[in-house]
Amino acid sequence: MDNEHLYQDKDLVVKLKSSSSYAFQILFEKYSRKIYHFSLGYLKNKQEAEEIVQDVFLNVWKVREELLVGRSFESYLFTIDKNAILNTWICNKTLYD
């Protein structure tokens, strides 16, 4: 794992915890494309993948004060993403069953 990568995220998360919209913007720019492509790979639907990106980062903003500084921010994002994908599958399955 790249220590410089973690250090940069750590600094941004510290600022995000203090409601820095700039730190949020940097993290969004850094990870939104990865989240989108990961979601699209499973859902095969561009609109749903875009909505998940928005939901993931909205969730991050809502819980920003509770974020853990020493943990991998990227892993945290992909955990939220995975859960959002599963929820989308469940909702779609329920709608079409």
Protein backbone atom coordinates (compact mmCIF):
# COMPACT_ATOMS: atom_id res chain seq x y z
CA MET A 1 0.00 0.00 0.00
CA ASP A 2 1.27 3.46 -0.90
CA ASN A 3 2.04 5.35 2.33
CA GLU A 4 2.06 8.72 0.54
CA HIS A 5 -1.44 7.98 -0.75
CA LEU A 6 -2.67 7.21 2.77
CA TYR A 7 -0.96 10.26 4.21
CA GLN A 8 -2.66 12.55 1.71
CA ASP A 9 -6.05 10.99 2.38
CA LYS A 10 -5.41 11.23 6.12
CA ASP A 11 -4.81 14.98 5.84
CA LEU A 12 -7.91 15.42 3.71
CA VAL A 13 -10.07 13.40 6.11
CA VAL A 14 -8.85 15.53 9.03
CA LYS A 15 -9.95 18.63 7.12
CA LEU A 16 -13.19 16.99 6.04
CA LYS A 17 -14.02 16.23 9.67
CA SER A 18 -13.90 20.02 10.19
CA SER A 19 -16.42 20.46 7.34
CA SER A 20 -13.90 21.55 4.71
CA SER A 21 -15.77 21.62 1.42
CA TYR A 22 -12.40 21.90 -0.34
CA ALA A 23 -11.20 18.60 1.17
CA PHE A 24 -14.53 17.03 0.21
CA GLN A 25 -14.12 18.27 -3.37
CA ILE A 26 -10.58 16.87 -3.61
CA LEU A 27 -11.69 13.48 -2.29
CA PHE A 28 -14.66 13.47 -4.66
CA GLU A 29 -12.43 14.25 -7.63
CA LYS A 30 -9.94 11.61 -6.54
CA TYR A 31 -12.41 8.75 -6.04
CA SER A 32 -15.69 9.43 -7.84
CA ARG A 33 -14.52 7.94 -11.14
CA LYS A 34 -13.33 4.75 -9.42
CA ILE A 35 -16.63 4.42 -7.55
CA TYR A 36 -18.56 5.03 -10.77
CA HIS A 37 -16.68 2.38 -12.76
CA PHE A 38 -16.90 -0.15 -9.94
CA SER A 39 -20.66 0.41 -9.67
CA LEU A 40 -21.16 0.34 -13.43
CA GLY A 41 -19.30 -2.95 -13.64
CA TYR A 42 -21.90 -4.59 -11.43
CA LEU A 43 -25.06 -2.71 -12.31
CA LYS A 44 -24.53 -2.24 -16.07
CA ASN A 45 -26.61 0.93 -15.81
CA LYS A 46 -24.99 4.35 -16.15
CA GLN A 47 -27.76 6.25 -14.36
CA GLU A 48 -27.77 3.90 -11.37
CA ALA A 49 -23.95 4.05 -11.18
CA GLU A 50 -24.05 7.87 -11.22
CA GLU A 51 -26.71 7.88 -8.49
CA ILE A 52 -24.59 5.57 -6.35
CA VAL A 53 -21.60 7.92 -6.66
CA GLN A 54 -23.79 10.76 -5.42
CA ASP A 55 -25.20 8.62 -2.60
CA VAL A 56 -21.77 7.44 -1.48
CA PHE A 57 -20.41 10.96 -1.21
CA LEU A 58 -23.59 12.32 0.33
CA ASN A 59 -23.23 9.66 3.00
CA VAL A 60 -19.58 10.65 3.55
CA TRP A 61 -20.60 14.29 4.00
CA LYS A 62 -23.35 13.38 6.47
CA VAL A 63 -21.01 11.35 8.69
CA ARG A 64 -17.86 13.43 8.13
CA GLU A 65 -17.43 14.27 11.82
CA GLU A 66 -17.39 10.55 12.70
CA LEU A 67 -14.79 9.47 10.12
CA LEU A 68 -11.79 7.57 11.46
CA VAL A 69 -8.57 9.31 10.48
CA GLY A 70 -6.21 6.33 10.66
CA ARG A 71 -8.26 4.05 8.42
CA SER A 72 -8.14 3.69 4.65
CA PHE A 73 -10.58 6.20 3.21
CA GLU A 74 -10.65 4.35 -0.10
CA SER A 75 -11.65 1.09 1.60
CA TYR A 76 -14.36 2.97 3.49
CA LEU A 77 -15.74 4.37 0.22
CA PHE A 78 -15.80 0.98 -1.47
CA THR A 79 -17.59 -0.56 1.52
CA ILE A 80 -20.30 2.09 1.20
CA ASP A 81 -20.35 1.50 -2.57
CA LYS A 82 -20.69 -2.27 -2.20
CA ASN A 83 -23.63 -1.82 0.16
CA ALA A 84 -25.28 0.68 -2.21
CA ILE A 85 -24.90 -1.76 -5.10
CA LEU A 86 -26.49 -4.54 -3.04
CA ASN A 87 -29.35 -2.25 -2.02
CA THR A 88 -29.92 -1.32 -5.67
CA TRP A 89 -30.02 -4.99 -6.66
CA ILE A 90 -32.48 -5.74 -3.88
CA CYS A 91 -34.72 -2.80 -4.85
CA ASN A 92 -34.61 -3.75 -8.53
CA LYS A 93 -35.35 -7.38 -7.75
CA THR A 94 -38.32 -6.36 -5.59
CA LEU A 95 -39.65 -4.04 -8.30
CA TYR A 96 -39.46 -6.65 -11.04
CA ASP A 97 -40.59 -9.74 -9.10
